[in-house]
Amino acid sequence: MQAQQDLNESLPLPAEEMPECWERDDRMNSLFAQFRNRSANPQDWDSKYRFWRGLIADWSKYRKRCSFSLSDLNKAFKRNGRSPACLSIVLQELHRNGEIVPMLNFIRESPNSWGGWAVDTLVKRPLFWSFSVLKNSIVETSVDPETRYVHLETVKELGELILSTIKKNEENTLFSMSDITKNCIEKVDIKKGSLSDDDVKLAMIWLRLNKKAAFHLSPERDSNDTLVKLSNTHVKEVTEAEEGLYQLEKQEETLIKNLELLEMEKETVIKNAKAYLANGMRQVAKSCLRKKKELEKSIEKRAAAIQNIQIIITRVRDMRSDSEVLNSYKAGAAALKQKLAEDGLNEDNVADTMNDLSEVLEEFSEMQSVLTKPVDYYDSDLEDELTELLAESEHDDSINNPDNNSGKSQSNSNVNGDKKQPNIDKEFSSLRLEDLPPPPTKYSPSIKSPVPSGGE
């Protein structure tokens, strides 16, 4: 069992993740051998390169090795006491393809992002690497075994792991490099290999190049305690105010720990005083009580200092919150002004529009009042014309019927207000009453007789 465990630890990867051909001597002898001229057998050359390229990438990610040298690879992939003889060409090809970069180039400060490495590799160096490939076909080139290279894909993966350790409410707050390393170790399976501070620093450099991390190294601070600010979106440089707040928070933690120790020491002194008093050692018990009073004074001082620091921290955080609110107000005011300018909204335009609206409404109201008036069809011209037509009609009737005309004229004269009154007695006497029955001789209400009709 121990021998099997030692064998697994000596492998670059766990046994279940190793290539199947690792146990085949004939195949591995070919893969461990030096590259032949590519023009002789390009398929074999490409197959061999892909094997080592994939194995190096898997080993780097598994071990969390962001950087390595040719010497490190020869030790990691040693098999049966033999190291690969072809890794120098593999490193050159990886470098030419932009998958690894020299350590000195990677740690160089650059305003470019991740894509800058590809531009630097694929645009600025093609002539150099074309000459290098041509030279490989003639004579073997050598790589310094101690030159360290950074595997970009592994650095990117570790940088994303670091960001995953930061909670949402912890973004844009300061951490020490040692705290970040500790958080990452908790996230990484220790069985898969330990995580070094150097690897974390390389990942932090990658995050900084991508504007997701900011450093602040004070001259009096150790490099391992470099202050780092992280964010998943965009991060600004560390300010003096943020550094001061970080120092206050660390001082608060230190004072709280000291206060806890003083409280524990006070409890111990009280227990000792009781024990001495129980044994009759009163003077020693008094000495313990004196020490307890001194501890209480120290505790009061520490508590007051902690209270003051907490007040300052609260004020600073409130100021930061107020500053963010003010910035939000400014941004909102600027956006509103821009929108008003785009839409042409101002006091004069609004006043003119309201005045126009009032005029339109007034005109509409007048139109409505006109439309609601009753329709009058009386026309004086038509009335006069009708009167003339009526007079002409009467004149024609008088010509055609002279007898009726006299009666009508008489009646018209009466209707039109003639002052002559008719002879009522003469008209009354002219009435003939012989057709009427004679009146009864005697009134007898008990006899009911039918009224004779006109024919009887």
Protein backbone atom coordinates (compact mmCIF):
# COMPACT_ATOMS: atom_id res chain seq x y z
CA MET A 1 0.00 0.00 0.00
CA GLN A 2 2.79 2.42 0.90
CA ALA A 3 4.66 1.56 -2.31
CA GLN A 4 1.55 2.24 -4.38
CA GLN A 5 1.07 5.58 -2.60
CA ASP A 6 4.67 6.56 -3.24
CA LEU A 7 4.23 5.64 -6.89
CA ASN A 8 1.12 7.81 -7.21
CA GLU A 9 2.88 10.74 -5.57
CA SER A 10 5.78 10.43 -8.00
CA LEU A 11 3.45 10.69 -10.99
CA PRO A 12 2.75 14.13 -12.47
CA LEU A 13 -0.99 13.45 -12.22
CA PRO A 14 -3.16 10.95 -10.35
CA ALA A 15 -2.94 7.47 -11.83
CA GLU A 16 -6.50 7.62 -13.18
CA GLU A 17 -5.72 10.86 -15.03
CA MET A 18 -2.42 9.78 -16.58
CA PRO A 19 -2.32 8.98 -20.31
CA GLU A 20 -2.88 5.33 -21.14
CA CYS A 21 0.41 5.12 -22.99
CA TRP A 22 2.40 6.09 -19.89
CA GLU A 23 2.85 2.40 -19.02
CA ARG A 24 3.89 1.38 -22.53
CA ASP A 25 7.66 1.52 -22.84
CA ASP A 26 7.79 1.44 -26.61
CA ARG A 27 5.45 4.42 -26.97
CA MET A 28 7.03 6.41 -24.13
CA ASN A 29 10.54 5.84 -25.49
CA SER A 30 9.41 7.47 -28.71
CA LEU A 31 7.74 10.35 -26.84
CA PHE A 32 10.78 10.90 -24.58
CA ALA A 33 13.16 11.03 -27.52
CA GLN A 34 14.30 14.21 -29.22
CA PHE A 35 12.17 15.71 -31.99
CA ARG A 36 13.14 14.73 -35.48
CA ASN A 37 13.05 17.03 -38.46
CA ARG A 38 9.42 18.04 -38.93
CA SER A 39 9.60 17.92 -42.72
CA ALA A 40 10.41 14.19 -42.57
CA ASN A 41 7.23 13.22 -40.69
CA PRO A 42 4.98 16.21 -39.82
CA GLN A 43 2.13 14.05 -38.46
CA ASP A 44 4.40 12.32 -35.94
CA TRP A 45 5.90 15.67 -34.95
CA ASP A 46 2.48 17.25 -34.38
CA SER A 47 1.20 14.20 -32.45
CA LYS A 48 4.21 14.28 -30.15
CA TYR A 49 3.88 18.01 -29.54
CA ARG A 50 0.15 17.74 -28.76
CA PHE A 51 0.89 14.99 -26.21
CA TRP A 52 3.39 17.09 -24.24
CA ARG A 53 1.39 20.26 -24.63
CA GLY A 54 -1.70 18.64 -23.07
CA LEU A 55 0.27 16.87 -20.35
CA ILE A 56 2.09 20.06 -19.30
CA ALA A 57 -1.20 21.99 -19.19
CA ASP A 58 -2.92 19.31 -17.08
CA TRP A 59 0.04 19.10 -14.70
CA SER A 60 0.22 22.88 -14.31
CA LYS A 61 -3.49 23.18 -13.53
CA TYR A 62 -3.52 20.16 -11.23
CA ARG A 63 -0.56 21.32 -9.19
CA LYS A 64 -1.56 24.99 -9.41
CA ARG A 65 1.88 25.73 -10.82
CA CYS A 66 1.51 29.02 -12.62
CA SER A 67 5.22 29.13 -13.48
CA PHE A 68 7.83 26.50 -14.23
CA SER A 69 11.21 26.06 -15.83
CA LEU A 70 12.65 23.38 -18.07
CA SER A 71 14.36 21.92 -15.02
CA ASP A 72 11.00 21.69 -13.18
CA LEU A 73 9.42 19.86 -16.12
CA ASN A 74 12.30 17.39 -16.38
CA LYS A 75 11.86 16.51 -12.71
CA ALA A 76 8.05 16.35 -12.87
CA PHE A 77 7.92 14.04 -15.91
CA LYS A 78 10.80 11.76 -15.00
CA ARG A 79 9.96 8.14 -15.75
CA ASN A 80 12.07 5.19 -14.69
CA GLY A 81 14.92 7.59 -13.84
CA ARG A 82 14.83 9.16 -17.31
CA SER A 83 13.77 12.73 -18.19
CA PRO A 84 12.25 13.73 -21.55
CA ALA A 85 14.78 15.01 -24.03
CA CYS A 86 12.28 16.94 -26.15
CA LEU A 87 10.84 19.46 -23.69
CA SER A 88 13.15 22.24 -24.85
CA ILE A 89 11.44 22.23 -28.28
CA VAL A 90 8.03 21.97 -26.59
CA LEU A 91 8.71 25.10 -24.52
CA GLN A 92 9.85 27.01 -27.60
CA GLU A 93 6.70 26.04 -29.46
CA LEU A 94 4.47 26.96 -26.51
CA HIS A 95 6.20 30.30 -26.32
CA ARG A 96 5.77 30.90 -30.03
CA ASN A 97 2.03 30.08 -29.77
CA GLY A 98 1.59 32.51 -26.89
CA GLU A 99 0.62 29.87 -24.30
CA ILE A 100 3.58 30.67 -22.04
CA VAL A 101 5.59 33.86 -21.54
CA PRO A 102 8.88 34.45 -19.73
CA MET A 103 8.49 35.45 -16.10
CA LEU A 104 10.31 38.77 -16.59
CA ASN A 105 7.91 39.76 -19.35
CA PHE A 106 4.86 38.77 -17.35
CA ILE A 107 5.68 40.74 -14.20
CA ARG A 108 6.46 43.81 -16.31
CA GLU A 109 3.94 46.57 -15.68
CA SER A 110 1.67 46.94 -18.69
CA PRO A 111 -1.52 48.89 -19.32
CA ASN A 112 -2.69 46.22 -21.71
CA SER A 113 -5.11 43.51 -20.79
CA TRP A 114 -4.89 39.77 -21.35
CA GLY A 115 -5.02 40.23 -25.10
CA GLY A 116 -1.81 42.25 -24.93
CA TRP A 117 0.22 39.10 -24.57
CA ALA A 118 -1.21 37.67 -27.77
CA VAL A 119 -0.48 40.91 -29.62
CA ASP A 120 3.05 40.99 -28.28
CA THR A 121 3.58 37.35 -29.20
CA LEU A 122 1.85 37.10 -32.56
CA VAL A 123 2.56 40.54 -34.01
CA LYS A 124 5.92 41.72 -32.70
CA ARG A 125 7.79 38.42 -32.85
CA PRO A 126 6.80 36.51 -36.01
CA LEU A 127 10.07 37.17 -37.81
CA PHE A 128 12.12 36.02 -34.83
CA TRP A 129 10.20 32.79 -34.46
CA SER A 130 10.22 32.12 -38.19
CA PHE A 131 13.99 32.26 -38.01
CA SER A 132 13.91 30.03 -34.90
CA VAL A 133 11.81 27.37 -36.67
CA LEU A 134 14.15 27.46 -39.64
CA LYS A 135 17.08 27.09 -37.31
CA ASN A 136 15.45 24.08 -35.61
CA SER A 137 15.55 22.20 -38.90
CA ILE A 138 19.32 22.69 -39.08
CA VAL A 139 20.65 22.65 -35.54
CA GLU A 140 18.98 22.20 -32.19
CA THR A 141 18.38 25.33 -30.18
CA SER A 142 18.79 25.29 -26.43
CA VAL A 143 16.67 26.75 -23.65
CA ASP A 144 18.09 27.85 -20.32
CA PRO A 145 16.93 25.17 -17.85
CA GLU A 146 16.43 27.76 -15.10
CA THR A 147 14.45 30.31 -17.12
CA ARG A 148 10.97 30.44 -15.70
CA TYR A 149 7.88 30.65 -17.86
CA VAL A 150 4.32 31.56 -16.88
CA HIS A 151 1.52 29.32 -18.12
CA LEU A 152 -1.18 31.84 -19.00
CA GLU A 153 -4.16 29.49 -18.86
CA THR A 154 -3.24 28.32 -15.36
CA VAL A 155 -2.74 31.90 -14.18
CA LYS A 156 -6.15 32.81 -15.54
CA GLU A 157 -7.79 29.84 -13.80
CA LEU A 158 -6.14 30.70 -10.47
CA GLY A 159 -7.16 34.34 -10.83
CA GLU A 160 -10.79 33.31 -11.29
CA LEU A 161 -10.46 31.08 -8.22
CA ILE A 162 -9.21 34.05 -6.20
CA LEU A 163 -12.18 36.13 -7.30
CA SER A 164 -14.51 33.31 -6.28
CA THR A 165 -13.21 33.53 -2.70
CA ILE A 166 -14.38 37.15 -2.45
CA LYS A 167 -17.95 37.69 -1.35
CA LYS A 168 -20.15 40.30 -2.99
CA ASN A 169 -20.04 42.62 0.01
CA GLU A 170 -16.25 42.26 0.23
CA GLU A 171 -15.52 43.64 -3.23
CA ASN A 172 -13.44 46.84 -3.40
CA THR A 173 -12.21 46.25 0.15
CA LEU A 174 -8.57 45.74 1.08
CA PHE A 175 -7.00 42.37 1.85
CA SER A 176 -3.44 41.41 2.59
CA MET A 177 -1.71 39.02 0.24
CA SER A 178 -1.39 36.47 3.04
CA ASP A 179 -5.17 36.55 3.65
CA ILE A 180 -5.82 35.92 -0.04
CA THR A 181 -3.39 33.00 -0.06
CA LYS A 182 -5.14 31.54 2.97
CA ASN A 183 -8.55 31.85 1.32
CA CYS A 184 -7.28 30.20 -1.84
CA ILE A 185 -5.75 27.28 0.06
CA GLU A 186 -9.15 26.69 1.66
CA LYS A 187 -10.70 26.53 -1.81
CA VAL A 188 -8.03 24.28 -3.31
CA ASP A 189 -7.89 20.57 -2.54
CA ILE A 190 -4.63 20.13 -0.64
CA LYS A 191 -4.29 16.59 -2.00
CA LYS A 192 -3.87 18.04 -5.43
CA GLY A 193 -0.83 20.05 -4.33
CA SER A 194 -0.10 23.04 -2.18
CA LEU A 195 -0.40 26.62 -3.33
CA SER A 196 2.64 28.87 -3.05
CA ASP A 197 2.67 32.60 -2.45
CA ASP A 198 4.51 33.12 -5.73
CA ASP A 199 1.69 31.50 -7.69
CA VAL A 200 -0.85 33.73 -5.94
CA LYS A 201 1.22 36.80 -6.78
CA LEU A 202 1.30 35.83 -10.46
CA ALA A 203 -2.48 35.39 -10.44
CA MET A 204 -2.82 38.80 -8.79
CA ILE A 205 -0.69 40.35 -11.54
CA TRP A 206 -3.02 38.84 -14.12
CA LEU A 207 -6.02 40.27 -12.28
CA ARG A 208 -4.35 43.65 -12.17
CA LEU A 209 -3.71 43.58 -15.91
CA ASN A 210 -7.44 42.91 -16.36
CA LYS A 211 -8.44 45.81 -14.08
CA LYS A 212 -9.86 43.45 -11.46
CA ALA A 213 -7.20 43.99 -8.79
CA ALA A 214 -5.23 46.91 -7.40
CA PHE A 215 -2.05 46.78 -5.27
CA HIS A 216 -0.72 49.09 -2.63
CA LEU A 217 2.72 48.35 -1.23
CA SER A 218 3.84 50.60 1.59
CA PRO A 219 7.63 50.97 2.04
CA GLU A 220 7.46 49.78 5.63
CA ARG A 221 5.27 46.76 4.88
CA ASP A 222 6.42 43.29 3.95
CA SER A 223 5.76 42.11 0.39
CA ASN A 224 3.61 39.26 1.67
CA ASP A 225 1.35 41.81 3.35
CA THR A 226 0.81 43.85 0.22
CA LEU A 227 -2.64 45.37 0.30
CA VAL A 228 -4.87 44.17 -2.53
CA LYS A 229 -8.31 45.32 -3.63
CA LEU A 230 -10.41 42.94 -5.76
CA SER A 231 -13.58 43.21 -7.81
CA ASN A 232 -15.34 41.04 -10.41
CA THR A 233 -16.12 44.06 -12.60
CA HIS A 234 -13.72 46.99 -12.36
CA VAL A 235 -11.51 48.21 -9.55
CA LYS A 236 -9.82 51.54 -8.93
CA GLU A 237 -6.42 52.16 -7.40
CA VAL A 238 -6.01 51.98 -3.64
CA THR A 239 -6.36 55.38 -1.96
CA GLU A 240 -4.85 56.63 1.27
CA ALA A 241 -8.29 56.79 2.86
CA GLU A 242 -8.86 53.09 2.10
CA GLU A 243 -5.46 52.22 3.51
CA GLY A 244 -6.25 54.23 6.66
CA LEU A 245 -9.57 52.43 7.07
CA TYR A 246 -7.79 49.09 6.65
CA GLN A 247 -5.29 50.03 9.36
CA LEU A 248 -8.11 51.04 11.70
CA GLU A 249 -9.91 47.73 11.15
CA LYS A 250 -6.72 45.76 11.79
CA GLN A 251 -6.05 47.83 14.91
CA GLU A 252 -9.57 47.10 16.08
CA GLU A 253 -9.00 43.36 15.63
CA THR A 254 -5.72 43.56 17.54
CA LEU A 255 -7.27 45.50 20.42
CA ILE A 256 -10.18 43.08 20.67
CA LYS A 257 -7.78 40.13 20.87
CA ASN A 258 -5.74 41.92 23.56
CA LEU A 259 -8.91 42.71 25.46
CA GLU A 260 -9.94 39.06 25.37
CA LEU A 261 -6.54 38.03 26.71
CA LEU A 262 -6.78 40.61 29.52
CA GLU A 263 -10.22 39.36 30.48
CA MET A 264 -8.93 35.80 30.60
CA GLU A 265 -5.95 36.87 32.68
CA LYS A 266 -8.26 38.73 35.07
CA GLU A 267 -10.37 35.62 35.58
CA THR A 268 -7.23 33.61 36.27
CA VAL A 269 -6.02 36.17 38.86
CA ILE A 270 -9.38 36.07 40.63
CA LYS A 271 -9.27 32.28 40.80
CA ASN A 272 -5.73 32.41 42.19
CA ALA A 273 -6.73 34.98 44.81
CA LYS A 274 -9.58 32.74 45.96
CA ALA A 275 -7.24 29.77 46.13
CA TYR A 276 -4.64 31.69 48.17
CA LEU A 277 -7.32 33.01 50.49
CA ALA A 278 -8.66 29.51 51.05
CA ASN A 279 -5.13 28.38 52.03
CA GLY A 280 -4.74 31.29 54.46
CA MET A 281 -2.27 33.19 52.28
CA ARG A 282 -3.90 36.60 52.64
CA GLN A 283 -0.92 38.71 51.51
CA VAL A 284 -0.56 36.76 48.32
CA ALA A 285 -4.30 37.02 47.78
CA LYS A 286 -4.03 40.83 48.23
CA SER A 287 -1.25 40.91 45.67
CA CYS A 288 -3.53 39.10 43.23
CA LEU A 289 -6.27 41.62 43.85
CA ARG A 290 -3.85 44.50 43.17
CA LYS A 291 -2.96 42.87 39.89
CA LYS A 292 -6.66 42.47 39.13
CA LYS A 293 -7.18 46.22 39.58
CA GLU A 294 -4.32 47.01 37.23
CA LEU A 295 -5.80 44.62 34.70
CA GLU A 296 -9.17 46.32 35.04
CA LYS A 297 -7.55 49.71 34.31
CA SER A 298 -5.90 48.26 31.23
CA ILE A 299 -9.19 46.71 30.18
CA GLU A 300 -10.94 50.07 30.52
CA LYS A 301 -8.28 51.76 28.40
CA ARG A 302 -8.49 49.08 25.72
CA ALA A 303 -12.28 49.25 25.73
CA ALA A 304 -12.22 53.04 25.36
CA ALA A 305 -9.71 52.79 22.52
CA ILE A 306 -11.85 50.16 20.78
CA GLN A 307 -14.91 52.36 21.16
CA ASN A 308 -13.12 55.36 19.66
CA ILE A 309 -11.80 53.30 16.76
CA GLN A 310 -15.25 51.86 16.09
CA ILE A 311 -16.73 55.36 16.05
CA ILE A 312 -14.10 56.50 13.55
CA ILE A 313 -14.68 53.42 11.37
CA THR A 314 -18.42 54.05 11.42
CA ARG A 315 -17.93 57.69 10.45
CA VAL A 316 -15.61 56.75 7.60
CA ARG A 317 -18.04 54.15 6.29
CA ASP A 318 -20.92 56.59 6.55
CA MET A 319 -18.86 59.17 4.69
CA ARG A 320 -18.15 56.63 1.97
CA SER A 321 -21.85 55.81 1.76
CA ASP A 322 -22.74 59.51 1.64
CA SER A 323 -20.16 60.02 -1.08
CA GLU A 324 -21.68 57.20 -3.13
CA VAL A 325 -25.15 58.69 -2.66
CA LEU A 326 -23.88 62.11 -3.74
CA ASN A 327 -22.24 60.60 -6.80
CA SER A 328 -25.52 58.90 -7.62
CA TYR A 329 -27.33 62.24 -7.31
CA LYS A 330 -24.77 63.87 -9.60
CA ALA A 331 -25.10 61.10 -12.15
CA GLY A 332 -28.89 61.31 -12.00
CA ALA A 333 -28.85 65.10 -12.40
CA ALA A 334 -26.48 64.87 -15.37
CA ALA A 335 -28.64 62.20 -17.01
CA LEU A 336 -31.78 64.29 -16.43
CA LYS A 337 -30.15 67.39 -17.90
CA GLN A 338 -29.01 65.45 -20.92
CA LYS A 339 -32.48 64.00 -21.43
CA LEU A 340 -34.08 67.43 -21.11
CA ALA A 341 -31.61 68.85 -23.61
CA GLU A 342 -32.23 66.01 -26.06
CA ASP A 343 -36.01 66.39 -25.84
CA GLY A 344 -35.86 70.21 -25.91
CA LEU A 345 -37.59 70.58 -22.55
CA ASN A 346 -37.09 73.94 -20.81
CA GLU A 347 -39.16 76.50 -18.97
CA ASP A 348 -39.83 78.69 -22.02
CA ASN A 349 -40.87 75.77 -24.21
CA VAL A 350 -43.18 74.42 -21.54
CA ALA A 351 -44.76 77.87 -20.96
CA ASP A 352 -45.30 78.40 -24.69
CA THR A 353 -46.82 74.97 -25.03
CA MET A 354 -49.23 75.59 -22.15
CA ASN A 355 -50.25 78.96 -23.62
CA ASP A 356 -50.91 77.34 -26.98
CA LEU A 357 -52.93 74.66 -25.25
CA SER A 358 -55.04 77.30 -23.45
CA GLU A 359 -55.76 79.11 -26.72
CA VAL A 360 -56.74 75.90 -28.46
CA LEU A 361 -59.06 74.94 -25.61
CA GLU A 362 -60.66 78.39 -25.66
CA GLU A 363 -61.30 78.19 -29.40
CA PHE A 364 -62.74 74.74 -28.98
CA SER A 365 -65.06 76.00 -26.23
CA GLU A 366 -66.34 78.78 -28.49
CA MET A 367 -66.97 76.31 -31.26
CA GLN A 368 -68.92 74.10 -28.90
CA SER A 369 -71.09 77.01 -27.77
CA VAL A 370 -71.88 77.90 -31.38
CA LEU A 371 -72.77 74.35 -32.21
CA THR A 372 -75.17 74.10 -29.27
CA LYS A 373 -77.30 77.13 -30.32
CA PRO A 374 -80.93 76.31 -31.60
CA VAL A 375 -81.42 76.42 -35.34
CA ASP A 376 -83.85 79.29 -36.49
CA TYR A 377 -85.42 78.73 -39.94
CA TYR A 378 -87.41 82.07 -40.05
CA ASP A 379 -86.67 84.11 -43.11
CA SER A 380 -88.44 87.46 -43.74
CA ASP A 381 -87.99 87.24 -47.51
CA LEU A 382 -89.73 83.89 -47.61
CA GLU A 383 -92.60 85.23 -45.51
CA ASP A 384 -93.13 88.16 -47.86
CA GLU A 385 -93.08 85.85 -50.87
CA LEU A 386 -95.66 83.59 -49.25
CA THR A 387 -97.91 86.58 -48.56
CA GLU A 388 -97.74 87.64 -52.18
CA LEU A 389 -98.57 84.11 -53.35
CA LEU A 390 -101.58 84.03 -51.00
CA ALA A 391 -102.83 87.38 -52.29
CA GLU A 392 -102.54 86.25 -55.87
CA SER A 393 -104.44 83.06 -55.03
CA GLU A 394 -107.31 85.03 -53.44
CA HIS A 395 -107.45 87.40 -56.40
CA ASP A 396 -107.81 84.48 -58.81
CA ASP A 397 -110.63 82.98 -56.68
CA SER A 398 -112.54 86.29 -56.67
CA ILE A 399 -112.42 86.46 -60.42
CA ASN A 400 -113.65 82.90 -60.89
CA ASN A 401 -116.38 82.95 -58.13
CA PRO A 402 -117.88 86.46 -57.69
CA ASP A 403 -120.64 85.29 -55.26
CA ASN A 404 -118.31 83.56 -52.97
CA ASN A 405 -115.97 86.40 -53.36
CA SER A 406 -118.41 88.82 -51.71
CA GLY A 407 -118.94 86.44 -48.77
CA LYS A 408 -115.25 85.83 -48.42
CA SER A 409 -114.54 89.48 -48.65
CA GLN A 410 -117.16 90.12 -45.99
CA SER A 411 -115.71 87.46 -43.76
CA ASN A 412 -112.20 88.65 -44.47
CA SER A 413 -113.24 92.13 -43.57
CA ASN A 414 -114.60 90.84 -40.28
CA VAL A 415 -111.52 88.78 -39.66
CA ASN A 416 -109.20 91.65 -40.55
CA GLY A 417 -110.90 93.80 -37.93
CA ASP A 418 -113.69 95.61 -39.86
CA LYS A 419 -115.37 98.16 -37.64
CA LYS A 420 -118.97 97.47 -39.01
CA GLN A 421 -121.01 95.19 -36.77
CA PRO A 422 -123.46 92.68 -38.48
CA ASN A 423 -127.30 93.07 -38.08
CA ILE A 424 -127.89 90.28 -35.60
CA ASP A 425 -131.74 90.75 -35.40
CA LYS A 426 -132.10 90.54 -39.15
CA GLU A 427 -130.08 87.38 -39.36
CA PHE A 428 -132.02 85.86 -36.47
CA SER A 429 -135.40 86.53 -38.09
CA SER A 430 -134.30 85.05 -41.33
CA LEU A 431 -133.84 81.73 -39.65
CA ARG A 432 -136.74 79.31 -40.40
CA LEU A 433 -138.00 77.28 -37.47
CA GLU A 434 -140.86 75.37 -39.15
CA ASP A 435 -138.93 72.21 -39.32
CA LEU A 436 -138.58 72.03 -35.55
CA PRO A 437 -141.35 70.17 -33.52
CA PRO A 438 -143.69 72.23 -31.36
CA PRO A 439 -142.88 72.50 -27.70
CA PRO A 440 -144.83 70.36 -25.26
CA THR A 441 -148.02 71.84 -23.77
CA LYS A 442 -147.30 70.59 -20.28
CA TYR A 443 -144.11 69.63 -18.61
CA SER A 444 -144.34 66.18 -17.23
CA PRO A 445 -141.00 64.78 -16.10
CA SER A 446 -142.44 61.33 -15.40
CA ILE A 447 -143.28 60.68 -19.09
CA LYS A 448 -140.26 59.62 -20.95
CA SER A 449 -140.61 59.94 -24.68
CA PRO A 450 -137.91 59.46 -27.15
CA VAL A 451 -136.67 62.39 -29.02
CA PRO A 452 -137.98 62.13 -32.55
CA SER A 453 -135.42 61.83 -35.18
CA GLY A 454 -135.32 64.08 -38.16
CA GLY A 455 -137.24 61.57 -40.32
CA GLU A 456 -140.23 61.17 -38.08
